Amino acid sequence: MDKRQLGFDRINLGHGSGGIMTRELLDEIIFKTFDNPYLGQKHDGSIVEIEGKMAISTDSFVVSPIFFKGGNIGELAVNGTVNDVAMCGAIPKFLSLAFIVEEGLKADEFVEIVNSVKAATDRCGVKVITGDTKVVERGKGDKIFINTTGFGEVHPKAKISAERIEIGDKIIVSGNIAQHGMAIMSQREGLEFQSSIESDTTNLNFLIENLLNNFGHKIKLFRDPTRGGLASTLSEIASDTDSGIVIHENKLPLEKQVAAACEILGLDPLYVANEGVFVAIVKEDIASQVVELLSKDVKGSNAICVGEITDNHKGKVVMQSAIGGKRIVTPLIGEHLPRIC
């Protein structure tokens, strides 16, 4: 969508009224950008055919700022939900897309976000098939919020379940942690780092599909460590399965600039949000092969086995420090970084 083609420069309440202005917004921006046979029916919903089991995931995005190093709220909304569907062992196919726009948002910013959504869906191989747009009064929102719901067919070789986790299974992290959270912090509240830290937001669905094609049911679980970071994700797994988890500090994939930024702000990177990283728990005998396969893709180039499932300290995560000590890794308590996604 070309920003210059619009007949208005800001979103106002009339664009959410359900009348002529709403139709103008939908026709000129939404329908034109996401044109496909499903959305083209301009109905209240869409009817689709999906064979076998279906995975569904919904998420709302309220990140601040809405534009950040490495992406924006639109791209983030697509990637976040697509990845959630993929973590279920499914192949994402369709998205619903809902905008809640604050009166006064610049029209060209809205168009830029919509264009980013379209580019992201193209990269993911999914279609936007239904949605909604609402406009709230100035001061009743924060520029724009987005809700997306994803639908996908469960991979025929997938058997993703925490109940299948066993002693000896290996824990693999697909890439560098804490990138997204520190990218947001570098722009928030006027704080700027002299660095090139960017959000790691990206779609992981093709990487997940490749792993399932090659290793099938030997992959026990996928999780994406978004809010709460790696520490909270692993703590939840340990608690839910009553399993012990050991991770090794010297194996955590952490970029030097991110580590330095966390130190400056007094943040533990284990608790900082990620948007382009996943955790895989796999059978021990395929762990090295999984890392090797991941490392051949740019999105998994920093993949590493960080730990394993143990029969000690059930329900808890223990980190083995680089100098030989141990500490309990607890889940996040309270809000670490608000409005991160």
Foldseek 3Di string as FASTA:
>chain_A
DDLVVDPDWWDAQVCAPPDDNVVCCCVVAPCVLQPDPQCVVVDQFGDDDDPDDKDKDKDKAQFPPQDFFAGGRLLLQLQQQCQVRVQQQFQWAEKEKEKEAEGGQTSVVVNVSSNSNSVQCVVSNYGHRHYYYHYDYHPPGDGMMMMMMIMGGHDPLADADLQPADFQWFKKKQAAFQLLQLRSVCPPPNHHDPDNRGAQAHHCNVVSVVCCVPPRHQWHGKDFQFAQAQLQVVLVSLQVNQWEKEFEPVLHHHDPVSVVSCVVVVHDRRRHGHRLMMMITGHNVCVVVSLVSSCVDPSRVSMDTGITIHRPPGSWYWYQYPVGDIDTRHTDDDHDRPSSD
